[in-house]
């Protein structure tokens, strides 16, 4: 086996797994944010919302991009 062929091959495999783990972590984070955003149900309107306007819901999730 010439030179460091086996070591280079193992290094390449490790880099591929590291890249996959990074991409999977980002996907899981984004998927959780989308799930939270799509399942959000705003509270029912209050009795005086027509007079005073609706208040901002503090539990509303941020917009996902």
Protein backbone atom coordinates (compact mmCIF):
# COMPACT_ATOMS: atom_id res chain seq x y z
CA UNK A 1 0.00 0.00 0.00
CA UNK A 2 1.64 3.27 -1.07
CA UNK A 3 2.45 5.99 1.44
CA UNK A 4 -0.33 7.19 3.69
CA UNK A 5 -3.18 5.88 1.53
CA UNK A 6 -5.00 4.21 4.42
CA UNK A 7 -4.56 7.23 6.69
CA UNK A 8 -5.82 9.60 3.96
CA UNK A 9 -8.79 7.34 3.33
CA UNK A 10 -9.72 7.24 7.04
CA UNK A 11 -9.31 11.03 7.29
CA UNK A 12 -11.64 11.48 4.30
CA UNK A 13 -14.27 9.18 5.82
CA UNK A 14 -14.07 11.07 9.14
CA UNK A 15 -14.53 14.41 7.32
CA UNK A 16 -17.60 13.05 5.55
CA UNK A 17 -19.17 11.91 8.85
CA UNK A 18 -18.35 15.27 10.47
CA UNK A 19 -20.01 17.15 7.60
CA UNK A 20 -23.06 14.89 7.84
CA UNK A 21 -23.34 15.39 11.61
CA UNK A 22 -23.16 19.18 11.17
CA UNK A 23 -25.81 19.19 8.45
CA UNK A 24 -28.07 16.87 10.48
CA UNK A 25 -27.84 19.09 13.57
CA UNK A 26 -28.79 22.16 11.51
CA UNK A 27 -31.68 20.26 9.90
CA UNK A 28 -32.98 19.11 13.30
CA UNK A 29 -32.85 22.67 14.64
CA UNK A 30 -34.65 24.08 11.60
CA UNK A 31 -37.24 21.29 11.64
CA UNK A 32 -38.04 21.97 15.30
CA UNK A 33 -38.46 25.70 14.58
CA UNK A 34 -40.77 24.99 11.63
CA UNK A 35 -42.82 22.54 13.69
CA UNK A 36 -43.26 25.10 16.46
CA UNK A 37 -44.21 27.81 13.97
CA UNK A 38 -46.70 25.70 11.99
CA UNK A 39 -48.44 24.31 15.06
CA UNK A 40 -48.87 27.71 16.73
CA UNK A 41 -52.47 28.60 17.52
CA UNK A 42 -53.11 32.24 18.48
CA UNK A 43 -55.24 32.88 21.55
CA UNK A 44 -58.95 33.57 21.12
CA UNK A 45 -59.81 37.26 20.69
CA UNK A 46 -60.62 39.08 23.90
CA UNK A 47 -63.84 40.86 24.69
CA UNK A 48 -62.37 44.36 24.25
CA UNK A 49 -60.06 43.70 21.28
CA UNK A 50 -62.46 45.56 18.96
CA UNK A 51 -62.11 48.70 21.05
CA UNK A 52 -58.49 48.63 22.21
CA UNK A 53 -56.95 46.42 19.51
CA UNK A 54 -55.30 43.07 19.96
CA UNK A 55 -52.24 42.71 22.12
CA UNK A 56 -49.11 40.99 20.90
CA UNK A 57 -48.94 37.38 22.07
CA UNK A 58 -45.67 36.89 24.01
CA UNK A 59 -45.73 33.14 23.26
CA UNK A 60 -45.87 33.63 19.48
CA UNK A 61 -42.85 31.95 17.84
CA UNK A 62 -40.48 33.92 15.65
CA UNK A 63 -40.99 33.79 11.90
CA UNK A 64 -39.02 30.96 10.34
CA UNK A 65 -37.00 31.61 7.21
